[in-house]
Each structure stands twice: as structure tokens, then as C-alpha cells.
Amino acid sequence: MRGCEVETVRAWRRPAHRTAPHPLLTGEPAHAEKDHAAALLDEALDGVAKEYPGVIVHRALVEGSARHALVSRSSAADLLVIGARRRRGYLGWQLGLV
């Protein structure tokens, strides 16, 4: 890869019912979505280090929409690669699902 570094970004959102400033929603339960996003990113990149040992991979978790995360992170990037999530039973372009 010509000495390039790869930055992987996983956007995640906290459900609206967990953003209220309530004592029961702080601490460990408040971090469940972020931990889940980190686990998904780790799973997706599981074999990359073994298969490409010379490539430096940075991992970033961004709270918010995928659109905003990609726009802000891509401003300094040389290349942007996007993975899409598809709805079952629907063919064709699905704007908004990333």
C-alpha cells in the first residue's frame, strides 16, 4: 500500500431514551452502544493485521451520523472507501444507509 496508513471509522448513535440526564442512564449502561460499536469494528478488522502486517490501521469511534463522521474525517484523506448496509429484499441504490 505504498506506506499509507488506514483510518477506520465506525459511527454510532445512542438511543434517544438514553440521552436524558437520569442517574440510571449514566455509567456502564450509557456506554453499551459505544462498546458494541467498538466490538463490531474490532470484528471487521480482525484479520487485517495478520494479512497486512506492514499497514498501520487506526480505529476511530464517532458518536453521531455516518454522514457527518465521513464528511469530517474525509477532508484530509487521500481515498474514501464506504461500506454499505442493505435492506433485505430491496435492490438498487439505498441512499442514507452506510
PDB file of N, CA and C in Angstrom:
ATOM      1  N   MET A   1       0.813  -1.203   0.000  1.00  0.00           N
ATOM      2  CA  MET A   1       0.000   0.000   0.000  1.00  0.00           C
ATOM      3  C   MET A   1       0.850   1.258   0.000  1.00  0.00           C
ATOM      4  N   ARG A   2       2.012   1.225  -0.469  1.00  0.00           N
ATOM      5  CA  ARG A   2       2.833   2.423  -0.643  1.00  0.00           C
ATOM      6  C   ARG A   2       3.063   3.213   0.634  1.00  0.00           C
ATOM      7  N   GLY A   3       3.141   2.572   1.760  1.00  0.00           N
ATOM      8  CA  GLY A   3       3.426   3.259   3.011  1.00  0.00           C
ATOM      9  C   GLY A   3       2.287   4.090   3.572  1.00  0.00           C
ATOM     10  N   CYS A   4       1.084   3.886   3.088  1.00  0.00           N
ATOM     11  CA  CYS A   4      -0.064   4.647   3.575  1.00  0.00           C
ATOM     12  C   CYS A   4      -0.579   4.057   4.887  1.00  0.00           C
ATOM     13  N   GLU A   5      -1.265   4.884   5.633  1.00  0.00           N
ATOM     14  CA  GLU A   5      -1.942   4.436   6.839  1.00  0.00           C
ATOM     15  C   GLU A   5      -3.437   4.412   6.559  1.00  0.00           C
ATOM     16  N   VAL A   6      -4.135   3.525   7.244  1.00  0.00           N
ATOM     17  CA  VAL A   6      -5.574   3.380   7.061  1.00  0.00           C
ATOM     18  C   VAL A   6      -6.277   3.826   8.340  1.00  0.00           C
ATOM     19  N   GLU A   7      -7.255   4.700   8.183  1.00  0.00           N
ATOM     20  CA  GLU A   7      -8.074   5.101   9.321  1.00  0.00           C
ATOM     21  C   GLU A   7      -9.462   4.518   9.126  1.00  0.00           C
ATOM     22  N   THR A   8      -9.882   3.692  10.059  1.00  0.00           N
ATOM     23  CA  THR A   8     -11.218   3.115  10.001  1.00  0.00           C
ATOM     24  C   THR A   8     -12.111   3.899  10.951  1.00  0.00           C
ATOM     25  N   VAL A   9     -13.330   4.154  10.508  1.00  0.00           N
ATOM     26  CA  VAL A   9     -14.260   4.951  11.300  1.00  0.00           C
ATOM     27  C   VAL A   9     -15.562   4.182  11.441  1.00  0.00           C
ATOM     28  N   ARG A  10     -16.039   4.092  12.654  1.00  0.00           N
ATOM     29  CA  ARG A  10     -17.329   3.469  12.926  1.00  0.00           C
ATOM     30  C   ARG A  10     -18.183   4.510  13.628  1.00  0.00           C
ATOM     31  N   ALA A  11     -19.259   4.931  12.972  1.00  0.00           N
ATOM     32  CA  ALA A  11     -20.186   5.881  13.580  1.00  0.00           C
ATOM     33  C   ALA A  11     -21.232   5.101  14.371  1.00  0.00           C
ATOM     34  N   TRP A  12     -21.641   5.667  15.475  1.00  0.00           N
ATOM     35  CA  TRP A  12     -22.657   5.026  16.305  1.00  0.00           C
ATOM     36  C   TRP A  12     -23.518   6.103  16.946  1.00  0.00           C
ATOM     37  N   ARG A  13     -24.703   5.700  17.337  1.00  0.00           N
ATOM     38  CA  ARG A  13     -25.625   6.641  17.988  1.00  0.00           C
ATOM     39  C   ARG A  13     -26.189   6.013  19.255  1.00  0.00           C
ATOM     40  N   ARG A  14     -26.365   6.854  20.235  1.00  0.00           N
ATOM     41  CA  ARG A  14     -27.003   6.434  21.478  1.00  0.00           C
ATOM     42  C   ARG A  14     -28.512   6.621  21.289  1.00  0.00           C
ATOM     43  N   PRO A  15     -29.323   5.635  21.641  1.00  0.00           N
ATOM     44  CA  PRO A  15     -30.776   5.804  21.503  1.00  0.00           C
ATOM     45  C   PRO A  15     -31.267   7.015  22.294  1.00  0.00           C
ATOM     46  N   ALA A  16     -32.288   7.677  21.787  1.00  0.00           N
ATOM     47  CA  ALA A  16     -32.795   8.906  22.398  1.00  0.00           C
ATOM     48  C   ALA A  16     -33.174   8.707  23.861  1.00  0.00           C
ATOM     49  N   HIS A  17     -33.718   7.550  24.196  1.00  0.00           N
ATOM     50  CA  HIS A  17     -34.137   7.338  25.588  1.00  0.00           C
ATOM     51  C   HIS A  17     -32.946   7.218  26.539  1.00  0.00           C
ATOM     52  N   ARG A  18     -31.730   7.098  25.997  1.00  0.00           N
ATOM     53  CA  ARG A  18     -30.547   7.000  26.860  1.00  0.00           C
ATOM     54  C   ARG A  18     -29.762   8.311  26.926  1.00  0.00           C
ATOM     55  N   THR A  19     -30.258   9.355  26.298  1.00  0.00           N
ATOM     56  CA  THR A  19     -29.538  10.632  26.340  1.00  0.00           C
ATOM     57  C   THR A  19     -30.050  11.548  27.441  1.00  0.00           C
ATOM     58  N   ALA A  20     -31.151  11.180  28.075  1.00  0.00           N
ATOM     59  CA  ALA A  20     -31.709  12.007  29.140  1.00  0.00           C
ATOM     60  C   ALA A  20     -30.783  11.989  30.352  1.00  0.00           C
ATOM     61  N   PRO A  21     -30.637  13.136  31.025  1.00  0.00           N
ATOM     62  CA  PRO A  21     -29.766  13.187  32.203  1.00  0.00           C
ATOM     63  C   PRO A  21     -30.423  12.537  33.419  1.00  0.00           C
ATOM     64  N   HIS A  22     -30.482  11.247  33.436  1.00  0.00           N
ATOM     65  CA  HIS A  22     -31.101  10.494  34.520  1.00  0.00           C
ATOM     66  C   HIS A  22     -30.036   9.617  35.164  1.00  0.00           C
ATOM     67  N   PRO A  23     -29.994   9.524  36.487  1.00  0.00           N
ATOM     68  CA  PRO A  23     -28.948   8.738  37.151  1.00  0.00           C
ATOM     69  C   PRO A  23     -28.869   7.286  36.691  1.00  0.00           C
ATOM     70  N   LEU A  24     -29.982   6.694  36.305  1.00  0.00           N
ATOM     71  CA  LEU A  24     -29.971   5.295  35.869  1.00  0.00           C
ATOM     72  C   LEU A  24     -29.349   5.121  34.491  1.00  0.00           C
ATOM     73  N   LEU A  25     -29.190   6.214  33.745  1.00  0.00           N
ATOM     74  CA  LEU A  25     -28.677   6.128  32.382  1.00  0.00           C
ATOM     75  C   LEU A  25     -27.212   6.525  32.285  1.00  0.00           C
ATOM     76  N   THR A  26     -26.557   6.729  33.399  1.00  0.00           N
ATOM     77  CA  THR A  26     -25.138   7.070  33.384  1.00  0.00           C
ATOM     78  C   THR A  26     -24.309   5.840  33.699  1.00  0.00           C
ATOM     79  N   GLY A  27     -23.022   5.960  33.537  1.00  0.00           N
ATOM     80  CA  GLY A  27     -22.134   4.843  33.852  1.00  0.00           C
ATOM     81  C   GLY A  27     -22.144   3.773  32.788  1.00  0.00           C
ATOM     82  N   GLU A  28     -22.126   2.531  33.213  1.00  0.00           N
ATOM     83  CA  GLU A  28     -21.995   1.391  32.299  1.00  0.00           C
ATOM     84  C   GLU A  28     -23.106   1.303  31.247  1.00  0.00           C
ATOM     85  N   PRO A  29     -24.398   1.439  31.611  1.00  0.00           N
ATOM     86  CA  PRO A  29     -25.436   1.351  30.574  1.00  0.00           C
ATOM     87  C   PRO A  29     -25.282   2.404  29.482  1.00  0.00           C
ATOM     88  N   ALA A  30     -24.764   3.570  29.841  1.00  0.00           N
ATOM     89  CA  ALA A  30     -24.611   4.641  28.858  1.00  0.00           C
ATOM     90  C   ALA A  30     -23.539   4.325  27.827  1.00  0.00           C
ATOM     91  N   HIS A  31     -22.631   3.418  28.137  1.00  0.00           N
ATOM     92  CA  HIS A  31     -21.535   3.092  27.228  1.00  0.00           C
ATOM     93  C   HIS A  31     -21.777   1.816  26.426  1.00  0.00           C
ATOM     94  N   ALA A  32     -22.932   1.200  26.571  1.00  0.00           N
ATOM     95  CA  ALA A  32     -23.202  -0.071  25.895  1.00  0.00           C
ATOM     96  C   ALA A  32     -23.132   0.064  24.377  1.00  0.00           C
ATOM     97  N   GLU A  33     -23.704   1.126  23.814  1.00  0.00           N
ATOM     98  CA  GLU A  33     -23.696   1.295  22.364  1.00  0.00           C
ATOM     99  C   GLU A  33     -22.284   1.538  21.842  1.00  0.00           C
ATOM    100  N   LYS A  34     -21.500   2.331  22.558  1.00  0.00           N
ATOM    101  CA  LYS A  34     -20.120   2.587  22.143  1.00  0.00           C
ATOM    102  C   LYS A  34     -19.301   1.303  22.205  1.00  0.00           C
ATOM    103  N   ASP A  35     -19.488   0.520  23.255  1.00  0.00           N
ATOM    104  CA  ASP A  35     -18.774  -0.753  23.375  1.00  0.00           C
ATOM    105  C   ASP A  35     -19.164  -1.712  22.258  1.00  0.00           C
ATOM    106  N   HIS A  36     -20.446  -1.709  21.905  1.00  0.00           N
ATOM    107  CA  HIS A  36     -20.917  -2.568  20.811  1.00  0.00           C
ATOM    108  C   HIS A  36     -20.300  -2.126  19.483  1.00  0.00           C
ATOM    109  N   ALA A  37     -20.241  -0.826  19.249  1.00  0.00           N
ATOM    110  CA  ALA A  37     -19.624  -0.310  18.021  1.00  0.00           C
ATOM    111  C   ALA A  37     -18.148  -0.673  17.961  1.00  0.00           C
ATOM    112  N   ALA A  38     -17.460  -0.593  19.092  1.00  0.00           N
ATOM    113  CA  ALA A  38     -16.040  -0.967  19.141  1.00  0.00           C
ATOM    114  C   ALA A  38     -15.859  -2.447  18.837  1.00  0.00           C
ATOM    115  N   ALA A  39     -16.747  -3.277  19.366  1.00  0.00           N
ATOM    116  CA  ALA A  39     -16.664  -4.719  19.105  1.00  0.00           C
ATOM    117  C   ALA A  39     -16.901  -5.024  17.630  1.00  0.00           C
ATOM    118  N   LEU A  40     -17.847  -4.326  17.010  1.00  0.00           N
ATOM    119  CA  LEU A  40     -18.108  -4.533  15.579  1.00  0.00           C
ATOM    120  C   LEU A  40     -16.913  -4.109  14.735  1.00  0.00           C
ATOM    121  N   LEU A  41     -16.281  -3.008  15.102  1.00  0.00           N
ATOM    122  CA  LEU A  41     -15.102  -2.544  14.373  1.00  0.00           C
ATOM    123  C   LEU A  41     -13.946  -3.526  14.545  1.00  0.00           C
ATOM    124  N   ASP A  42     -13.751  -4.004  15.760  1.00  0.00           N
ATOM    125  CA  ASP A  42     -12.703  -4.999  16.007  1.00  0.00           C
ATOM    126  C   ASP A  42     -12.945  -6.267  15.195  1.00  0.00           C
ATOM    127  N   GLU A  43     -14.199  -6.698  15.140  1.00  0.00           N
ATOM    128  CA  GLU A  43     -14.549  -7.903  14.377  1.00  0.00           C
ATOM    129  C   GLU A  43     -14.280  -7.707  12.886  1.00  0.00           C
ATOM    130  N   ALA A  44     -14.620  -6.535  12.377  1.00  0.00           N
ATOM    131  CA  ALA A  44     -14.412  -6.258  10.954  1.00  0.00           C
ATOM    132  C   ALA A  44     -12.934  -6.216  10.591  1.00  0.00           C
ATOM    133  N   LEU A  45     -12.105  -5.797  11.528  1.00  0.00           N
ATOM    134  CA  LEU A  45     -10.671  -5.647  11.254  1.00  0.00           C
ATOM    135  C   LEU A  45      -9.838  -6.786  11.831  1.00  0.00           C
ATOM    136  N   ASP A  46     -10.487  -7.830  12.271  1.00  0.00           N
ATOM    137  CA  ASP A  46      -9.828  -8.921  12.980  1.00  0.00           C
ATOM    138  C   ASP A  46      -8.618  -9.489  12.250  1.00  0.00           C
ATOM    139  N   GLY A  47      -8.739  -9.798  10.977  1.00  0.00           N
ATOM    140  CA  GLY A  47      -7.642 -10.427  10.259  1.00  0.00           C
ATOM    141  C   GLY A  47      -6.732  -9.484   9.500  1.00  0.00           C
ATOM    142  N   VAL A  48      -7.019  -8.196   9.529  1.00  0.00           N
ATOM    143  CA  VAL A  48      -6.254  -7.237   8.731  1.00  0.00           C
ATOM    144  C   VAL A  48      -4.792  -7.178   9.161  1.00  0.00           C
ATOM    145  N   ALA A  49      -4.539  -7.110  10.448  1.00  0.00           N
ATOM    146  CA  ALA A  49      -3.156  -7.004  10.936  1.00  0.00           C
ATOM    147  C   ALA A  49      -2.336  -8.237  10.568  1.00  0.00           C
ATOM    148  N   LYS A  50      -2.975  -9.397  10.597  1.00  0.00           N
ATOM    149  CA  LYS A  50      -2.263 -10.629  10.238  1.00  0.00           C
ATOM    150  C   LYS A  50      -2.004 -10.702   8.742  1.00  0.00           C
ATOM    151  N   GLU A  51      -2.988 -10.301   7.953  1.00  0.00           N
ATOM    152  CA  GLU A  51      -2.868 -10.391   6.497  1.00  0.00           C
ATOM    153  C   GLU A  51      -1.969  -9.295   5.924  1.00  0.00           C
ATOM    154  N   TYR A  52      -1.982  -8.123   6.540  1.00  0.00           N
ATOM    155  CA  TYR A  52      -1.185  -6.987   6.069  1.00  0.00           C
ATOM    156  C   TYR A  52      -0.386  -6.408   7.239  1.00  0.00           C
ATOM    157  N   PRO A  53       0.654  -7.082   7.682  1.00  0.00           N
ATOM    158  CA  PRO A  53       1.382  -6.644   8.878  1.00  0.00           C
ATOM    159  C   PRO A  53       2.085  -5.298   8.729  1.00  0.00           C
ATOM    160  N   GLY A  54       2.362  -4.857   7.527  1.00  0.00           N
ATOM    161  CA  GLY A  54       3.057  -3.590   7.331  1.00  0.00           C
ATOM    162  C   GLY A  54       2.154  -2.379   7.286  1.00  0.00           C
ATOM    163  N   VAL A  55       0.845  -2.589   7.315  1.00  0.00           N
ATOM    164  CA  VAL A  55      -0.106  -1.482   7.212  1.00  0.00           C
ATOM    165  C   VAL A  55      -0.520  -1.032   8.613  1.00  0.00           C
ATOM    166  N   ILE A  56      -0.387   0.255   8.858  1.00  0.00           N
ATOM    167  CA  ILE A  56      -0.807   0.825  10.138  1.00  0.00           C
ATOM    168  C   ILE A  56      -2.291   1.158  10.042  1.00  0.00           C
ATOM    169  N   VAL A  57      -3.084   0.606  10.962  1.00  0.00           N
ATOM    170  CA  VAL A  57      -4.530   0.804  10.963  1.00  0.00           C
ATOM    171  C   VAL A  57      -4.926   1.553  12.229  1.00  0.00           C
ATOM    172  N   HIS A  58      -5.567   2.711  12.043  1.00  0.00           N
ATOM    173  CA  HIS A  58      -6.091   3.498  13.156  1.00  0.00           C
ATOM    174  C   HIS A  58      -7.589   3.232  13.246  1.00  0.00           C
ATOM    175  N   ARG A  59      -8.093   3.143  14.448  1.00  0.00           N
ATOM    176  CA  ARG A  59      -9.522   2.892  14.664  1.00  0.00           C
ATOM    177  C   ARG A  59     -10.137   4.100  15.361  1.00  0.00           C
ATOM    178  N   ALA A  60     -11.287   4.537  14.859  1.00  0.00           N
ATOM    179  CA  ALA A  60     -11.967   5.689  15.462  1.00  0.00           C
ATOM    180  C   ALA A  60     -13.444   5.382  15.618  1.00  0.00           C
ATOM    181  N   LEU A  61     -13.972   5.697  16.777  1.00  0.00           N
ATOM    182  CA  LEU A  61     -15.405   5.607  17.033  1.00  0.00           C
ATOM    183  C   LEU A  61     -15.935   7.027  17.122  1.00  0.00           C
ATOM    184  N   VAL A  62     -16.971   7.322  16.345  1.00  0.00           N
ATOM    185  CA  VAL A  62     -17.526   8.672  16.303  1.00  0.00           C
ATOM    186  C   VAL A  62     -19.003   8.593  16.642  1.00  0.00           C
ATOM    187  N   GLU A  63     -19.412   9.319  17.682  1.00  0.00           N
ATOM    188  CA  GLU A  63     -20.827   9.342  18.025  1.00  0.00           C
ATOM    189  C   GLU A  63     -21.532  10.325  17.102  1.00  0.00           C
ATOM    190  N   GLY A  64     -22.561   9.854  16.424  1.00  0.00           N
ATOM    191  CA  GLY A  64     -23.315  10.690  15.501  1.00  0.00           C
ATOM    192  C   GLY A  64     -23.610   9.946  14.217  1.00  0.00           C
ATOM    193  N   SER A  65     -24.057  10.675  13.216  1.00  0.00           N
ATOM    194  CA  SER A  65     -24.432  10.048  11.952  1.00  0.00           C
ATOM    195  C   SER A  65     -23.193   9.664  11.149  1.00  0.00           C
ATOM    196  N   ALA A  66     -23.339   8.618  10.364  1.00  0.00           N
ATOM    197  CA  ALA A  66     -22.239   8.180   9.496  1.00  0.00           C
ATOM    198  C   ALA A  66     -21.893   9.274   8.498  1.00  0.00           C
ATOM    199  N   ARG A  67     -22.903   9.972   8.007  1.00  0.00           N
ATOM    200  CA  ARG A  67     -22.677  11.037   7.026  1.00  0.00           C
ATOM    201  C   ARG A  67     -21.747  12.110   7.582  1.00  0.00           C
ATOM    202  N   HIS A  68     -22.033  12.593   8.774  1.00  0.00           N
ATOM    203  CA  HIS A  68     -21.191  13.639   9.364  1.00  0.00           C
ATOM    204  C   HIS A  68     -19.798  13.117   9.695  1.00  0.00           C
ATOM    205  N   ALA A  69     -19.721  11.894  10.178  1.00  0.00           N
ATOM    206  CA  ALA A  69     -18.411  11.316  10.506  1.00  0.00           C
ATOM    207  C   ALA A  69     -17.549  11.191   9.258  1.00  0.00           C
ATOM    208  N   LEU A  70     -18.138  10.720   8.168  1.00  0.00           N
ATOM    209  CA  LEU A  70     -17.373  10.539   6.933  1.00  0.00           C
ATOM    210  C   LEU A  70     -16.959  11.872   6.316  1.00  0.00           C
ATOM    211  N   VAL A  71     -17.846  12.843   6.332  1.00  0.00           N
ATOM    212  CA  VAL A  71     -17.509  14.152   5.761  1.00  0.00           C
ATOM    213  C   VAL A  71     -16.371  14.797   6.548  1.00  0.00           C
ATOM    214  N   SER A  72     -16.456  14.767   7.868  1.00  0.00           N
ATOM    215  CA  SER A  72     -15.409  15.416   8.663  1.00  0.00           C
ATOM    216  C   SER A  72     -14.080  14.672   8.576  1.00  0.00           C
ATOM    217  N   ARG A  73     -14.106  13.349   8.572  1.00  0.00           N
ATOM    218  CA  ARG A  73     -12.865  12.573   8.532  1.00  0.00           C
ATOM    219  C   ARG A  73     -12.247  12.519   7.141  1.00  0.00           C
ATOM    220  N   SER A  74     -13.046  12.671   6.100  1.00  0.00           N
ATOM    221  CA  SER A  74     -12.521  12.531   4.741  1.00  0.00           C
ATOM    222  C   SER A  74     -11.846  13.795   4.222  1.00  0.00           C
ATOM    223  N   SER A  75     -11.968  14.903   4.924  1.00  0.00           N
ATOM    224  CA  SER A  75     -11.383  16.151   4.429  1.00  0.00           C
ATOM    225  C   SER A  75      -9.867  16.072   4.291  1.00  0.00           C
ATOM    226  N   ALA A  76      -9.221  15.238   5.074  1.00  0.00           N
ATOM    227  CA  ALA A  76      -7.762  15.100   4.993  1.00  0.00           C
ATOM    228  C   ALA A  76      -7.338  13.764   4.385  1.00  0.00           C
ATOM    229  N   ALA A  77      -8.298  13.015   3.866  1.00  0.00           N
ATOM    230  CA  ALA A  77      -7.997  11.679   3.335  1.00  0.00           C
ATOM    231  C   ALA A  77      -7.626  11.734   1.859  1.00  0.00           C
ATOM    232  N   ASP A  78      -6.796  10.792   1.441  1.00  0.00           N
ATOM    233  CA  ASP A  78      -6.465  10.650   0.024  1.00  0.00           C
ATOM    234  C   ASP A  78      -7.476   9.771  -0.698  1.00  0.00           C
ATOM    235  N   LEU A  79      -8.129   8.894   0.046  1.00  0.00           N
ATOM    236  CA  LEU A  79      -9.083   7.954  -0.533  1.00  0.00           C
ATOM    237  C   LEU A  79     -10.146   7.654   0.505  1.00  0.00           C
ATOM    238  N   LEU A  80     -11.396   7.545   0.067  1.00  0.00           N
ATOM    239  CA  LEU A  80     -12.501   7.222   0.961  1.00  0.00           C
ATOM    240  C   LEU A  80     -13.181   5.964   0.450  1.00  0.00           C
ATOM    241  N   VAL A  81     -13.265   4.958   1.294  1.00  0.00           N
ATOM    242  CA  VAL A  81     -13.940   3.705   0.952  1.00  0.00           C
ATOM    243  C   VAL A  81     -15.112   3.558   1.905  1.00  0.00           C
ATOM    244  N   ILE A  82     -16.294   3.313   1.352  1.00  0.00           N
ATOM    245  CA  ILE A  82     -17.507   3.247   2.162  1.00  0.00           C
ATOM    246  C   ILE A  82     -18.121   1.863   2.054  1.00  0.00           C
ATOM    247  N   GLY A  83     -18.499   1.305   3.198  1.00  0.00           N
ATOM    248  CA  GLY A  83     -19.231   0.039   3.224  1.00  0.00           C
ATOM    249  C   GLY A  83     -20.708   0.341   3.383  1.00  0.00           C
ATOM    250  N   ALA A  84     -21.535  -0.393   2.683  1.00  0.00           N
ATOM    251  CA  ALA A  84     -22.976  -0.142   2.717  1.00  0.00           C
ATOM    252  C   ALA A  84     -23.712  -1.259   3.434  1.00  0.00           C
ATOM    253  N   ARG A  85     -24.765  -0.889   4.109  1.00  0.00           N
ATOM    254  CA  ARG A  85     -25.661  -1.844   4.735  1.00  0.00           C
ATOM    255  C   ARG A  85     -26.932  -1.877   3.885  1.00  0.00           C
ATOM    256  N   ARG A  86     -27.374  -3.036   3.526  1.00  0.00           N
ATOM    257  CA  ARG A  86     -28.540  -3.153   2.642  1.00  0.00           C
ATOM    258  C   ARG A  86     -29.759  -3.674   3.389  1.00  0.00           C
ATOM    259  N   ARG A  87     -30.904  -3.175   2.981  1.00  0.00           N
ATOM    260  CA  ARG A  87     -32.165  -3.722   3.481  1.00  0.00           C
ATOM    261  C   ARG A  87     -32.451  -5.004   2.725  1.00  0.00           C
ATOM    262  N   ARG A  88     -32.993  -5.958   3.402  1.00  0.00           N
ATOM    263  CA  ARG A  88     -33.307  -7.235   2.752  1.00  0.00           C
ATOM    264  C   ARG A  88     -34.466  -7.068   1.777  1.00  0.00           C
ATOM    265  N   GLY A  89     -34.329  -7.719   0.646  1.00  0.00           N
ATOM    266  CA  GLY A  89     -35.400  -7.712  -0.335  1.00  0.00           C
ATOM    267  C   GLY A  89     -35.478  -6.458  -1.185  1.00  0.00           C
ATOM    268  N   TYR A  90     -34.510  -5.567  -1.067  1.00  0.00           N
ATOM    269  CA  TYR A  90     -34.543  -4.336  -1.844  1.00  0.00           C
ATOM    270  C   TYR A  90     -33.279  -4.261  -2.680  1.00  0.00           C
ATOM    271  N   LEU A  91     -33.447  -4.090  -3.979  1.00  0.00           N
ATOM    272  CA  LEU A  91     -32.306  -3.978  -4.875  1.00  0.00           C
ATOM    273  C   LEU A  91     -32.162  -2.534  -5.333  1.00  0.00           C
ATOM    274  N   GLY A  92     -30.969  -2.153  -5.697  1.00  0.00           N
ATOM    275  CA  GLY A  92     -30.730  -0.804  -6.201  1.00  0.00           C
ATOM    276  C   GLY A  92     -30.097   0.085  -5.152  1.00  0.00           C
ATOM    277  N   TRP A  93     -29.977   1.376  -5.486  1.00  0.00           N
ATOM    278  CA  TRP A  93     -29.341   2.340  -4.594  1.00  0.00           C
ATOM    279  C   TRP A  93     -30.190   2.562  -3.361  1.00  0.00           C
ATOM    280  N   GLN A  94     -29.534   2.662  -2.234  1.00  0.00           N
ATOM    281  CA  GLN A  94     -30.210   2.937  -0.971  1.00  0.00           C
ATOM    282  C   GLN A  94     -29.480   4.091  -0.305  1.00  0.00           C
ATOM    283  N   LEU A  95     -29.845   5.275  -0.649  1.00  0.00           N
ATOM    284  CA  LEU A  95     -29.175   6.452  -0.098  1.00  0.00           C
ATOM    285  C   LEU A  95     -29.469   6.578   1.391  1.00  0.00           C
ATOM    286  N   GLY A  96     -28.462   6.934   2.136  1.00  0.00           N
ATOM    287  CA  GLY A  96     -28.632   7.123   3.570  1.00  0.00           C
ATOM    288  C   GLY A  96     -28.150   5.957   4.400  1.00  0.00           C
ATOM    289  N   LEU A  97     -28.105   4.757   3.828  1.00  0.00           N
ATOM    290  CA  LEU A  97     -27.611   3.596   4.566  1.00  0.00           C
ATOM    291  C   LEU A  97     -26.135   3.431   4.282  1.00  0.00           C
ATOM    292  N   VAL A  98     -25.332   3.537   5.312  1.00  0.00           N
ATOM    293  CA  VAL A  98     -23.883   3.398   5.145  1.00  0.00           C
ATOM    294  C   VAL A  98     -23.395   2.362   6.129  1.00  0.00           C
TER     295      VAL A  98
END
